[in-house]
PDB file of N, CA and C in Angstrom:
ATOM      1  N   MET A   1       0.315  23.153   6.234  1.00  0.00           N
ATOM      2  CA  MET A   1       0.753  23.151   4.659  1.00  0.00           C
ATOM      3  C   MET A   1       1.083  21.662   4.335  1.00  0.00           C
ATOM      4  N   ASN A   2       1.675  20.944   5.241  1.00  0.00           N
ATOM      5  CA  ASN A   2       2.042  19.336   5.232  1.00  0.00           C
ATOM      6  C   ASN A   2       0.886  18.404   5.192  1.00  0.00           C
ATOM      7  N   LEU A   3      -0.155  18.686   5.938  1.00  0.00           N
ATOM      8  CA  LEU A   3      -1.510  18.297   5.796  1.00  0.00           C
ATOM      9  C   LEU A   3      -2.264  18.517   4.174  1.00  0.00           C
ATOM     10  N   TYR A   4      -1.954  19.651   4.159  1.00  0.00           N
ATOM     11  CA  TYR A   4      -2.290  20.086   2.158  1.00  0.00           C
ATOM     12  C   TYR A   4      -1.283  19.435   1.376  1.00  0.00           C
ATOM     13  N   LEU A   5       0.062  19.193   1.574  1.00  0.00           N
ATOM     14  CA  LEU A   5       0.583  18.189   0.570  1.00  0.00           C
ATOM     15  C   LEU A   5       0.539  16.680   0.495  1.00  0.00           C
ATOM     16  N   TYR A   6      -0.169  16.277   1.634  1.00  0.00           N
ATOM     17  CA  TYR A   6      -0.476  14.459   2.099  1.00  0.00           C
ATOM     18  C   TYR A   6      -1.327  14.351   1.227  1.00  0.00           C
ATOM     19  N   ALA A   7      -2.535  15.222   1.221  1.00  0.00           N
ATOM     20  CA  ALA A   7      -3.662  15.197   1.096  1.00  0.00           C
ATOM     21  C   ALA A   7      -3.665  15.469  -0.734  1.00  0.00           C
ATOM     22  N   ILE A   8      -2.390  16.058  -1.569  1.00  0.00           N
ATOM     23  CA  ILE A   8      -3.008  16.320  -2.844  1.00  0.00           C
ATOM     24  C   ILE A   8      -1.854  14.348  -3.086  1.00  0.00           C
ATOM     25  N   LEU A   9      -0.814  14.247  -2.573  1.00  0.00           N
ATOM     26  CA  LEU A   9      -0.208  13.080  -3.147  1.00  0.00           C
ATOM     27  C   LEU A   9      -1.172  11.981  -3.198  1.00  0.00           C
ATOM     28  N   LEU A  10      -1.992  11.746  -1.772  1.00  0.00           N
ATOM     29  CA  LEU A  10      -2.936  10.829  -1.774  1.00  0.00           C
ATOM     30  C   LEU A  10      -4.258  11.222  -2.778  1.00  0.00           C
ATOM     31  N   SER A  11      -4.037  12.525  -3.210  1.00  0.00           N
ATOM     32  CA  SER A  11      -5.626  12.279  -4.125  1.00  0.00           C
ATOM     33  C   SER A  11      -5.093  12.275  -5.678  1.00  0.00           C
ATOM     34  N   ALA A  12      -3.452  11.978  -6.038  1.00  0.00           N
ATOM     35  CA  ALA A  12      -2.992  11.958  -6.964  1.00  0.00           C
ATOM     36  C   ALA A  12      -2.766  10.392  -7.011  1.00  0.00           C
ATOM     37  N   CYS A  13      -2.304  10.036  -5.725  1.00  0.00           N
ATOM     38  CA  CYS A  13      -2.256   8.294  -5.470  1.00  0.00           C
ATOM     39  C   CYS A  13      -3.759   7.639  -5.986  1.00  0.00           C
ATOM     40  N   ALA A  14      -4.703   7.842  -5.747  1.00  0.00           N
ATOM     41  CA  ALA A  14      -5.961   7.684  -5.900  1.00  0.00           C
ATOM     42  C   ALA A  14      -6.166   7.399  -7.349  1.00  0.00           C
ATOM     43  N   SER A  15      -5.893   8.153  -8.176  1.00  0.00           N
ATOM     44  CA  SER A  15      -5.782   8.691  -9.815  1.00  0.00           C
ATOM     45  C   SER A  15      -5.085   7.294 -10.237  1.00  0.00           C
ATOM     46  N   VAL A  16      -4.347   7.200 -10.131  1.00  0.00           N
ATOM     47  CA  VAL A  16      -2.848   6.423 -10.607  1.00  0.00           C
ATOM     48  C   VAL A  16      -3.309   4.671 -10.251  1.00  0.00           C
ATOM     49  N   ILE A  17      -4.319   4.655  -9.118  1.00  0.00           N
ATOM     50  CA  ILE A  17      -4.721   3.057  -8.569  1.00  0.00           C
ATOM     51  C   ILE A  17      -5.924   3.028  -8.981  1.00  0.00           C
ATOM     52  N   GLN A  18      -6.327   3.752 -10.053  1.00  0.00           N
ATOM     53  CA  GLN A  18      -7.482   3.953 -11.349  1.00  0.00           C
ATOM     54  C   GLN A  18      -7.346   3.066 -12.228  1.00  0.00           C
ATOM     55  N   ALA A  19      -6.247   3.399 -12.828  1.00  0.00           N
ATOM     56  CA  ALA A  19      -6.111   3.201 -13.810  1.00  0.00           C
ATOM     57  C   ALA A  19      -5.082   1.904 -14.018  1.00  0.00           C
ATOM     58  N   MET A  20      -5.092   0.974 -12.660  1.00  0.00           N
ATOM     59  CA  MET A  20      -4.641  -0.031 -12.495  1.00  0.00           C
ATOM     60  C   MET A  20      -5.302  -1.340 -12.624  1.00  0.00           C
ATOM     61  N   GLN A  21      -4.986  -2.276 -12.927  1.00  0.00           N
ATOM     62  CA  GLN A  21      -5.770  -3.706 -12.739  1.00  0.00           C
ATOM     63  C   GLN A  21      -4.500  -4.983 -13.053  1.00  0.00           C
ATOM     64  N   VAL A  22      -4.937  -5.758 -11.923  1.00  0.00           N
ATOM     65  CA  VAL A  22      -3.706  -7.037 -11.991  1.00  0.00           C
ATOM     66  C   VAL A  22      -4.319  -8.138 -11.378  1.00  0.00           C
ATOM     67  N   TRP A  23      -5.337  -8.663 -11.003  1.00  0.00           N
ATOM     68  CA  TRP A  23      -6.231  -9.757 -11.009  1.00  0.00           C
ATOM     69  C   TRP A  23      -7.753  -9.362 -11.239  1.00  0.00           C
ATOM     70  N   ALA A  24      -7.580  -9.923 -12.401  1.00  0.00           N
ATOM     71  CA  ALA A  24      -9.497  -9.433 -12.925  1.00  0.00           C
ATOM     72  C   ALA A  24     -10.179 -11.170 -12.162  1.00  0.00           C
ATOM     73  N   PRO A  25     -11.734 -10.593 -12.140  1.00  0.00           N
ATOM     74  CA  PRO A  25     -12.395 -12.065 -11.738  1.00  0.00           C
ATOM     75  C   PRO A  25     -12.610 -12.487 -12.405  1.00  0.00           C
ATOM     76  N   GLN A  26     -12.600 -13.784 -12.251  1.00  0.00           N
ATOM     77  CA  GLN A  26     -13.301 -15.414 -12.915  1.00  0.00           C
ATOM     78  C   GLN A  26     -14.337 -15.622 -13.105  1.00  0.00           C
ATOM     79  N   GLN A  27     -15.222 -15.927 -13.388  1.00  0.00           N
ATOM     80  CA  GLN A  27     -16.636 -16.729 -13.452  1.00  0.00           C
ATOM     81  C   GLN A  27     -16.398 -17.792 -12.495  1.00  0.00           C
ATOM     82  N   ASN A  28     -17.589 -18.127 -11.806  1.00  0.00           N
ATOM     83  CA  ASN A  28     -17.108 -19.425 -11.043  1.00  0.00           C
ATOM     84  C   ASN A  28     -16.170 -19.782 -10.321  1.00  0.00           C
ATOM     85  N   ALA A  29     -15.354 -18.902  -9.688  1.00  0.00           N
ATOM     86  CA  ALA A  29     -13.887 -18.634  -9.784  1.00  0.00           C
ATOM     87  C   ALA A  29     -14.183 -18.878  -7.561  1.00  0.00           C
ATOM     88  N   GLU A  30     -13.161 -19.711  -6.985  1.00  0.00           N
ATOM     89  CA  GLU A  30     -12.831 -19.307  -5.775  1.00  0.00           C
ATOM     90  C   GLU A  30     -12.094 -18.188  -5.532  1.00  0.00           C
ATOM     91  N   TYR A  31     -12.564 -17.591  -4.497  1.00  0.00           N
ATOM     92  CA  TYR A  31     -11.473 -16.593  -4.360  1.00  0.00           C
ATOM     93  C   TYR A  31     -11.419 -16.867  -2.563  1.00  0.00           C
ATOM     94  N   PRO A  32      -9.526 -16.222  -1.951  1.00  0.00           N
ATOM     95  CA  PRO A  32      -9.601 -16.545  -0.624  1.00  0.00           C
ATOM     96  C   PRO A  32     -10.149 -15.318  -0.108  1.00  0.00           C
ATOM     97  N   VAL A  33     -10.060 -15.708   0.972  1.00  0.00           N
ATOM     98  CA  VAL A  33     -10.831 -14.657   2.250  1.00  0.00           C
ATOM     99  C   VAL A  33      -9.289 -14.173   2.940  1.00  0.00           C
ATOM    100  N   SER A  34      -8.623 -14.821   2.639  1.00  0.00           N
ATOM    101  CA  SER A  34      -7.389 -14.355   3.353  1.00  0.00           C
ATOM    102  C   SER A  34      -6.009 -14.189   2.121  1.00  0.00           C
ATOM    103  N   THR A  35      -5.831 -13.138   2.542  1.00  0.00           N
ATOM    104  CA  THR A  35      -4.252 -13.089   1.477  1.00  0.00           C
ATOM    105  C   THR A  35      -2.523 -12.527   2.232  1.00  0.00           C
ATOM    106  N   LYS A  36      -1.500 -13.084   2.260  1.00  0.00           N
ATOM    107  CA  LYS A  36      -0.746 -13.046   2.574  1.00  0.00           C
ATOM    108  C   LYS A  36       0.166 -11.903   1.515  1.00  0.00           C
ATOM    109  N   ILE A  37       0.525 -10.982   1.925  1.00  0.00           N
ATOM    110  CA  ILE A  37       1.483 -10.384   1.047  1.00  0.00           C
ATOM    111  C   ILE A  37       2.864 -10.229   1.733  1.00  0.00           C
ATOM    112  N   ASP A  38       3.877 -10.001   1.167  1.00  0.00           N
ATOM    113  CA  ASP A  38       4.899  -9.987   1.245  1.00  0.00           C
ATOM    114  C   ASP A  38       5.700  -8.343   0.553  1.00  0.00           C
ATOM    115  N   ALA A  39       6.012  -7.313   1.670  1.00  0.00           N
ATOM    116  CA  ALA A  39       6.532  -6.417   1.277  1.00  0.00           C
ATOM    117  C   ALA A  39       8.466  -6.040   1.458  1.00  0.00           C
ATOM    118  N   LYS A  40       9.249  -5.473   0.692  1.00  0.00           N
ATOM    119  CA  LYS A  40      10.160  -5.537   0.793  1.00  0.00           C
ATOM    120  C   LYS A  40      10.485  -4.048   0.466  1.00  0.00           C
ATOM    121  N   TYR A  41      11.275  -3.593   0.803  1.00  0.00           N
ATOM    122  CA  TYR A  41      11.407  -2.054   1.580  1.00  0.00           C
ATOM    123  C   TYR A  41      12.853  -1.472   1.424  1.00  0.00           C
ATOM    124  N   GLN A  42      13.447  -0.848   0.406  1.00  0.00           N
ATOM    125  CA  GLN A  42      15.085  -0.125   0.894  1.00  0.00           C
ATOM    126  C   GLN A  42      15.115   1.098   1.274  1.00  0.00           C
ATOM    127  N   ILE A  43      15.545   1.189   2.647  1.00  0.00           N
ATOM    128  CA  ILE A  43      15.819   2.940   2.935  1.00  0.00           C
ATOM    129  C   ILE A  43      16.925   3.291   1.771  1.00  0.00           C
ATOM    130  N   SER A  44      16.411   4.360   1.464  1.00  0.00           N
ATOM    131  CA  SER A  44      17.314   5.224   0.899  1.00  0.00           C
ATOM    132  C   SER A  44      18.552   6.333   1.168  1.00  0.00           C
ATOM    133  N   ASN A  45      18.215   6.727   2.380  1.00  0.00           N
ATOM    134  CA  ASN A  45      19.126   7.311   3.224  1.00  0.00           C
ATOM    135  C   ASN A  45      19.110   6.265   4.558  1.00  0.00           C
ATOM    136  N   ALA A  46      20.471   5.591   5.090  1.00  0.00           N
ATOM    137  CA  ALA A  46      20.606   5.077   5.931  1.00  0.00           C
ATOM    138  C   ALA A  46      20.226   5.871   7.060  1.00  0.00           C
ATOM    139  N   LEU A  47      20.496   7.684   7.358  1.00  0.00           N
ATOM    140  CA  LEU A  47      20.752   8.029   8.232  1.00  0.00           C
ATOM    141  C   LEU A  47      19.433   8.522   9.029  1.00  0.00           C
ATOM    142  N   SER A  48      18.647   8.056   7.783  1.00  0.00           N
ATOM    143  CA  SER A  48      16.266   8.846   8.078  1.00  0.00           C
ATOM    144  C   SER A  48      15.860   7.791   9.121  1.00  0.00           C
ATOM    145  N   SER A  49      15.109   8.498   9.413  1.00  0.00           N
ATOM    146  CA  SER A  49      14.615   7.786  10.545  1.00  0.00           C
ATOM    147  C   SER A  49      12.558   8.382   9.916  1.00  0.00           C
ATOM    148  N   GLY A  50      11.409   7.696  10.453  1.00  0.00           N
ATOM    149  CA  GLY A  50      10.207   8.213  10.292  1.00  0.00           C
ATOM    150  C   GLY A  50       9.629   6.874  10.002  1.00  0.00           C
ATOM    151  N   THR A  51       8.495   6.942   9.560  1.00  0.00           N
ATOM    152  CA  THR A  51       7.510   5.956   9.455  1.00  0.00           C
ATOM    153  C   THR A  51       7.325   5.812   7.998  1.00  0.00           C
ATOM    154  N   ARG A  52       6.573   4.374   7.738  1.00  0.00           N
ATOM    155  CA  ARG A  52       6.016   3.846   6.593  1.00  0.00           C
ATOM    156  C   ARG A  52       4.578   3.593   6.815  1.00  0.00           C
ATOM    157  N   ASN A  53       3.413   4.185   6.747  1.00  0.00           N
ATOM    158  CA  ASN A  53       2.367   3.372   6.133  1.00  0.00           C
ATOM    159  C   ASN A  53       1.763   2.877   4.835  1.00  0.00           C
ATOM    160  N   MET A  54       1.193   1.932   5.202  1.00  0.00           N
ATOM    161  CA  MET A  54       0.806   0.717   4.171  1.00  0.00           C
ATOM    162  C   MET A  54      -1.027   0.931   4.074  1.00  0.00           C
ATOM    163  N   TYR A  55      -1.262   1.039   3.213  1.00  0.00           N
ATOM    164  CA  TYR A  55      -2.564   1.452   2.543  1.00  0.00           C
ATOM    165  C   TYR A  55      -3.209   0.171   1.498  1.00  0.00           C
ATOM    166  N   VAL A  56      -3.872  -0.411   1.894  1.00  0.00           N
ATOM    167  CA  VAL A  56      -4.562  -1.595   0.661  1.00  0.00           C
ATOM    168  C   VAL A  56      -5.540  -1.333   0.302  1.00  0.00           C
ATOM    169  N   TYR A  57      -5.657  -1.105  -1.317  1.00  0.00           N
ATOM    170  CA  TYR A  57      -7.620  -0.985  -1.350  1.00  0.00           C
ATOM    171  C   TYR A  57      -7.287  -2.138  -2.747  1.00  0.00           C
ATOM    172  N   VAL A  58      -9.018  -2.566  -2.543  1.00  0.00           N
ATOM    173  CA  VAL A  58      -9.265  -3.608  -3.243  1.00  0.00           C
ATOM    174  C   VAL A  58     -10.358  -2.643  -4.746  1.00  0.00           C
ATOM    175  N   GLU A  59      -9.391  -3.131  -5.567  1.00  0.00           N
ATOM    176  CA  GLU A  59     -10.350  -2.555  -7.045  1.00  0.00           C
ATOM    177  C   GLU A  59     -11.427  -3.297  -7.291  1.00  0.00           C
ATOM    178  N   PRO A  60     -12.376  -2.901  -7.964  1.00  0.00           N
ATOM    179  CA  PRO A  60     -12.251  -1.009  -8.562  1.00  0.00           C
ATOM    180  C   PRO A  60     -13.027  -0.487  -7.302  1.00  0.00           C
ATOM    181  N   GLY A  61     -13.056   0.785  -7.561  1.00  0.00           N
ATOM    182  CA  GLY A  61     -13.940   1.667  -6.347  1.00  0.00           C
ATOM    183  C   GLY A  61     -13.022   1.829  -5.154  1.00  0.00           C
ATOM    184  N   HIS A  62     -11.811   1.818  -5.295  1.00  0.00           N
ATOM    185  CA  HIS A  62     -10.442   1.792  -4.095  1.00  0.00           C
ATOM    186  C   HIS A  62     -10.852   1.673  -2.688  1.00  0.00           C
ATOM    187  N   LYS A  63     -11.675   0.658  -2.489  1.00  0.00           N
ATOM    188  CA  LYS A  63     -12.055   0.104  -0.916  1.00  0.00           C
ATOM    189  C   LYS A  63     -10.864  -0.216   0.094  1.00  0.00           C
ATOM    190  N   LEU A  64     -11.155   0.313   0.841  1.00  0.00           N
ATOM    191  CA  LEU A  64      -9.578   0.270   1.644  1.00  0.00           C
ATOM    192  C   LEU A  64     -10.119  -0.668   2.513  1.00  0.00           C
ATOM    193  N   VAL A  65      -9.247  -2.034   2.860  1.00  0.00           N
ATOM    194  CA  VAL A  65      -9.156  -2.974   3.160  1.00  0.00           C
ATOM    195  C   VAL A  65      -8.310  -3.219   4.625  1.00  0.00           C
ATOM    196  N   HIS A  66      -6.722  -2.500   4.108  1.00  0.00           N
ATOM    197  CA  HIS A  66      -5.978  -2.374   5.575  1.00  0.00           C
ATOM    198  C   HIS A  66      -5.399  -1.092   5.330  1.00  0.00           C
ATOM    199  N   LYS A  67      -4.525  -0.841   6.842  1.00  0.00           N
ATOM    200  CA  LYS A  67      -4.188   0.492   6.932  1.00  0.00           C
ATOM    201  C   LYS A  67      -2.823  -0.135   8.021  1.00  0.00           C
ATOM    202  N   SER A  68      -1.873   0.212   7.992  1.00  0.00           N
ATOM    203  CA  SER A  68      -1.072   0.017   8.891  1.00  0.00           C
ATOM    204  C   SER A  68      -0.302   0.818   8.851  1.00  0.00           C
ATOM    205  N   SER A  69       0.834   0.987  10.063  1.00  0.00           N
ATOM    206  CA  SER A  69       2.139   1.837  10.246  1.00  0.00           C
ATOM    207  C   SER A  69       2.868   1.104  10.403  1.00  0.00           C
ATOM    208  N   TYR A  70       4.266   1.169   9.935  1.00  0.00           N
ATOM    209  CA  TYR A  70       5.390   1.053  10.597  1.00  0.00           C
ATOM    210  C   TYR A  70       6.649   1.680  10.226  1.00  0.00           C
ATOM    211  N   PRO A  71       7.553   1.956  11.703  1.00  0.00           N
ATOM    212  CA  PRO A  71       8.778   2.426  11.771  1.00  0.00           C
ATOM    213  C   PRO A  71       9.908   2.244  11.006  1.00  0.00           C
ATOM    214  N   TYR A  72      10.834   2.818  10.122  1.00  0.00           N
ATOM    215  CA  TYR A  72      12.087   2.179   9.588  1.00  0.00           C
ATOM    216  C   TYR A  72      13.097   1.375  10.647  1.00  0.00           C
ATOM    217  N   THR A  73      12.680   0.098  11.041  1.00  0.00           N
ATOM    218  CA  THR A  73      13.301  -0.662  11.571  1.00  0.00           C
ATOM    219  C   THR A  73      14.054  -2.050  11.131  1.00  0.00           C
ATOM    220  N   SER A  74      13.293  -2.591   9.894  1.00  0.00           N
ATOM    221  CA  SER A  74      13.507  -3.275   9.657  1.00  0.00           C
ATOM    222  C   SER A  74      13.087  -3.467   7.845  1.00  0.00           C
ATOM    223  N   MET A  75      13.834  -4.114   7.046  1.00  0.00           N
ATOM    224  CA  MET A  75      13.722  -3.781   5.759  1.00  0.00           C
ATOM    225  C   MET A  75      12.382  -4.351   4.943  1.00  0.00           C
ATOM    226  N   ASP A  76      12.283  -5.991   5.834  1.00  0.00           N
ATOM    227  CA  ASP A  76      11.370  -6.707   5.156  1.00  0.00           C
ATOM    228  C   ASP A  76       9.790  -6.431   6.015  1.00  0.00           C
ATOM    229  N   VAL A  77       8.961  -6.684   5.383  1.00  0.00           N
ATOM    230  CA  VAL A  77       7.645  -6.451   6.450  1.00  0.00           C
ATOM    231  C   VAL A  77       6.776  -7.440   5.710  1.00  0.00           C
ATOM    232  N   SER A  78       6.113  -8.566   6.409  1.00  0.00           N
ATOM    233  CA  SER A  78       5.078  -9.520   5.937  1.00  0.00           C
ATOM    234  C   SER A  78       3.797  -9.354   6.634  1.00  0.00           C
ATOM    235  N   PHE A  79       2.879  -9.301   6.639  1.00  0.00           N
ATOM    236  CA  PHE A  79       1.576  -9.647   7.248  1.00  0.00           C
ATOM    237  C   PHE A  79       0.601 -10.217   6.634  1.00  0.00           C
ATOM    238  N   THR A  80      -0.422 -10.597   7.006  1.00  0.00           N
ATOM    239  CA  THR A  80      -1.906 -11.230   6.487  1.00  0.00           C
ATOM    240  C   THR A  80      -2.900 -10.613   7.002  1.00  0.00           C
ATOM    241  N   PHE A  81      -3.941 -10.133   5.835  1.00  0.00           N
ATOM    242  CA  PHE A  81      -5.013  -9.734   6.504  1.00  0.00           C
ATOM    243  C   PHE A  81      -6.206 -10.215   6.188  1.00  0.00           C
ATOM    244  N   ARG A  82      -7.361 -10.038   6.324  1.00  0.00           N
ATOM    245  CA  ARG A  82      -8.637 -10.686   5.341  1.00  0.00           C
ATOM    246  C   ARG A  82      -9.513  -9.398   5.087  1.00  0.00           C
ATOM    247  N   ALA A  83      -9.624  -9.711   3.576  1.00  0.00           N
ATOM    248  CA  ALA A  83     -10.011  -8.608   2.462  1.00  0.00           C
ATOM    249  C   ALA A  83     -11.688  -9.182   2.529  1.00  0.00           C
ATOM    250  N   PRO A  84     -12.742  -7.911   2.664  1.00  0.00           N
ATOM    251  CA  PRO A  84     -13.901  -8.445   2.831  1.00  0.00           C
ATOM    252  C   PRO A  84     -14.431  -8.826   1.472  1.00  0.00           C
ATOM    253  N   ALA A  85     -13.865  -8.534   0.648  1.00  0.00           N
ATOM    254  CA  ALA A  85     -14.295  -8.401  -1.158  1.00  0.00           C
ATOM    255  C   ALA A  85     -12.929  -8.644  -1.580  1.00  0.00           C
ATOM    256  N   THR A  86     -13.093  -9.865  -2.355  1.00  0.00           N
ATOM    257  CA  THR A  86     -11.419 -10.179  -2.836  1.00  0.00           C
ATOM    258  C   THR A  86     -11.967 -10.373  -4.223  1.00  0.00           C
ATOM    259  N   LYS A  87     -13.192  -9.840  -4.966  1.00  0.00           N
ATOM    260  CA  LYS A  87     -13.163 -10.669  -5.977  1.00  0.00           C
ATOM    261  C   LYS A  87     -13.171  -9.208  -7.140  1.00  0.00           C
ATOM    262  N   GLY A  88     -11.751  -8.083  -7.049  1.00  0.00           N
ATOM    263  CA  GLY A  88     -11.208  -7.704  -8.253  1.00  0.00           C
ATOM    264  C   GLY A  88      -9.718  -7.712  -7.627  1.00  0.00           C
ATOM    265  N   PRO A  89      -8.870  -6.808  -8.182  1.00  0.00           N
ATOM    266  CA  PRO A  89      -7.455  -6.629  -8.107  1.00  0.00           C
ATOM    267  C   PRO A  89      -7.328  -5.480  -6.790  1.00  0.00           C
ATOM    268  N   PHE A  90      -6.020  -5.596  -6.584  1.00  0.00           N
ATOM    269  CA  PHE A  90      -5.580  -4.267  -5.547  1.00  0.00           C
ATOM    270  C   PHE A  90      -4.700  -4.310  -5.312  1.00  0.00           C
ATOM    271  N   ALA A  91      -4.354  -2.864  -4.756  1.00  0.00           N
ATOM    272  CA  ALA A  91      -3.273  -2.086  -4.803  1.00  0.00           C
ATOM    273  C   ALA A  91      -2.484  -1.784  -3.638  1.00  0.00           C
ATOM    274  N   LEU A  92      -1.286  -2.056  -3.566  1.00  0.00           N
ATOM    275  CA  LEU A  92      -1.029  -1.496  -2.092  1.00  0.00           C
ATOM    276  C   LEU A  92       0.126  -0.208  -2.620  1.00  0.00           C
ATOM    277  N   VAL A  93      -0.675   0.685  -1.532  1.00  0.00           N
ATOM    278  CA  VAL A  93      -0.206   1.911  -1.314  1.00  0.00           C
ATOM    279  C   VAL A  93       1.088   2.325  -0.267  1.00  0.00           C
ATOM    280  N   PHE A  94       2.370   2.926  -0.872  1.00  0.00           N
ATOM    281  CA  PHE A  94       3.086   2.565   0.355  1.00  0.00           C
ATOM    282  C   PHE A  94       3.508   4.477   0.943  1.00  0.00           C
ATOM    283  N   TYR A  95       3.330   4.728   1.490  1.00  0.00           N
ATOM    284  CA  TYR A  95       3.131   6.554   1.802  1.00  0.00           C
ATOM    285  C   TYR A  95       4.368   6.263   2.901  1.00  0.00           C
ATOM    286  N   ASP A  96       5.217   6.913   2.487  1.00  0.00           N
ATOM    287  CA  ASP A  96       6.456   7.152   3.251  1.00  0.00           C
ATOM    288  C   ASP A  96       6.524   8.910   3.679  1.00  0.00           C
ATOM    289  N   GLU A  97       7.144   8.351   5.090  1.00  0.00           N
ATOM    290  CA  GLU A  97       7.482  10.067   5.762  1.00  0.00           C
ATOM    291  C   GLU A  97       9.256   9.518   6.098  1.00  0.00           C
ATOM    292  N   GLN A  98      10.183  10.466   5.501  1.00  0.00           N
ATOM    293  CA  GLN A  98      11.310  10.129   5.934  1.00  0.00           C
ATOM    294  C   GLN A  98      12.242  11.506   6.717  1.00  0.00           C
ATOM    295  N   THR A  99      12.607  11.196   7.748  1.00  0.00           N
ATOM    296  CA  THR A  99      12.735  12.931   8.462  1.00  0.00           C
ATOM    297  C   THR A  99      13.958  12.606   8.631  1.00  0.00           C
ATOM    298  N   ALA A 100      15.044  13.419   8.107  1.00  0.00           N
ATOM    299  CA  ALA A 100      16.487  13.712   8.311  1.00  0.00           C
ATOM    300  C   ALA A 100      16.982  14.799   8.440  1.00  0.00           C
ATOM    301  N   GLY A 101      17.279  14.996   9.882  1.00  0.00           N
ATOM    302  CA  GLY A 101      17.405  16.360  10.412  1.00  0.00           C
ATOM    303  C   GLY A 101      16.178  16.893  10.315  1.00  0.00           C
ATOM    304  N   VAL A 102      15.885  18.380  10.323  1.00  0.00           N
ATOM    305  CA  VAL A 102      14.612  18.771  10.566  1.00  0.00           C
ATOM    306  C   VAL A 102      13.727  18.720   8.917  1.00  0.00           C
ATOM    307  N   LEU A 103      14.160  18.268   7.851  1.00  0.00           N
ATOM    308  CA  LEU A 103      13.890  17.533   6.479  1.00  0.00           C
ATOM    309  C   LEU A 103      12.879  16.949   6.879  1.00  0.00           C
ATOM    310  N   GLN A 104      11.577  17.022   6.143  1.00  0.00           N
ATOM    311  CA  GLN A 104      10.656  15.536   6.054  1.00  0.00           C
ATOM    312  C   GLN A 104      10.586  15.500   4.371  1.00  0.00           C
ATOM    313  N   PHE A 105      10.410  14.277   3.757  1.00  0.00           N
ATOM    314  CA  PHE A 105      10.552  13.916   2.530  1.00  0.00           C
ATOM    315  C   PHE A 105       9.207  12.573   2.932  1.00  0.00           C
ATOM    316  N   PRO A 106       7.936  13.303   2.058  1.00  0.00           N
ATOM    317  CA  PRO A 106       6.567  12.612   2.014  1.00  0.00           C
ATOM    318  C   PRO A 106       7.344  11.860   0.550  1.00  0.00           C
ATOM    319  N   PHE A 107       7.062  10.306   0.465  1.00  0.00           N
ATOM    320  CA  PHE A 107       7.004   9.672  -0.755  1.00  0.00           C
ATOM    321  C   PHE A 107       5.672   8.631  -0.795  1.00  0.00           C
ATOM    322  N   VAL A 108       5.415   8.810  -2.168  1.00  0.00           N
ATOM    323  CA  VAL A 108       4.337   7.459  -2.149  1.00  0.00           C
ATOM    324  C   VAL A 108       4.407   6.795  -3.206  1.00  0.00           C
ATOM    325  N   ASN A 109       4.469   5.267  -3.152  1.00  0.00           N
ATOM    326  CA  ASN A 109       4.790   4.199  -4.196  1.00  0.00           C
ATOM    327  C   ASN A 109       3.780   3.303  -4.340  1.00  0.00           C
ATOM    328  N   VAL A 110       3.226   3.092  -5.028  1.00  0.00           N
ATOM    329  CA  VAL A 110       1.992   2.163  -5.833  1.00  0.00           C
ATOM    330  C   VAL A 110       2.965   1.184  -6.263  1.00  0.00           C
ATOM    331  N   VAL A 111       2.079  -0.343  -5.324  1.00  0.00           N
ATOM    332  CA  VAL A 111       2.893  -1.696  -5.720  1.00  0.00           C
ATOM    333  C   VAL A 111       1.358  -2.236  -6.397  1.00  0.00           C
ATOM    334  N   ASN A 112       2.101  -2.902  -7.336  1.00  0.00           N
ATOM    335  CA  ASN A 112       0.358  -4.186  -7.866  1.00  0.00           C
ATOM    336  C   ASN A 112       1.011  -5.404  -7.145  1.00  0.00           C
ATOM    337  N   VAL A 113      -0.180  -6.093  -6.803  1.00  0.00           N
ATOM    338  CA  VAL A 113       0.446  -7.469  -6.260  1.00  0.00           C
ATOM    339  C   VAL A 113      -1.130  -8.416  -6.161  1.00  0.00           C
ATOM    340  N   ALA A 114      -1.083  -9.713  -6.948  1.00  0.00           N
ATOM    341  CA  ALA A 114      -1.776 -10.584  -7.035  1.00  0.00           C
ATOM    342  C   ALA A 114      -2.227 -11.189  -5.625  1.00  0.00           C
ATOM    343  N   LEU A 115      -3.664 -11.945  -6.107  1.00  0.00           N
ATOM    344  CA  LEU A 115      -3.955 -12.728  -4.859  1.00  0.00           C
ATOM    345  C   LEU A 115      -3.677 -13.616  -4.498  1.00  0.00           C
ATOM    346  N   THR A 116      -2.608 -14.396  -3.400  1.00  0.00           N
ATOM    347  CA  THR A 116      -2.854 -15.514  -3.374  1.00  0.00           C
ATOM    348  C   THR A 116      -3.272 -16.280  -1.895  1.00  0.00           C
ATOM    349  N   ALA A 117      -3.938 -17.250  -2.017  1.00  0.00           N
ATOM    350  CA  ALA A 117      -4.625 -17.833  -1.021  1.00  0.00           C
ATOM    351  C   ALA A 117      -3.523 -18.389   0.211  1.00  0.00           C
ATOM    352  N   VAL A 118      -3.780 -18.349   1.401  1.00  0.00           N
ATOM    353  CA  VAL A 118      -3.638 -18.714   2.405  1.00  0.00           C
ATOM    354  C   VAL A 118      -3.720 -19.847   3.197  1.00  0.00           C
TER     355      VAL A 118
END
């Protein structure tokens, strides 16, 4: 049942991403091959534990270029990834699974970020 719910949430997430555009390509522009993303996250329940899964998609086409998973040990996450295609906008998708007691609370959060050359 949980896998079915996750599939529905990720499908809905893909629909949201399709409508987003943050960084439009420009003609004759130089595009970075490395992008640094700083992400901040606040835990809603201090007693919660679990993991946060991050997916980075390049738009259009929802091309997955980065996937990582973090435990709830830090509120700040910073990482550098190399995107194979950076001529379009991209979106961060945070897929969180918080556990409090025996209950699990999945959350999907979509964040738009502009490209920054490193």
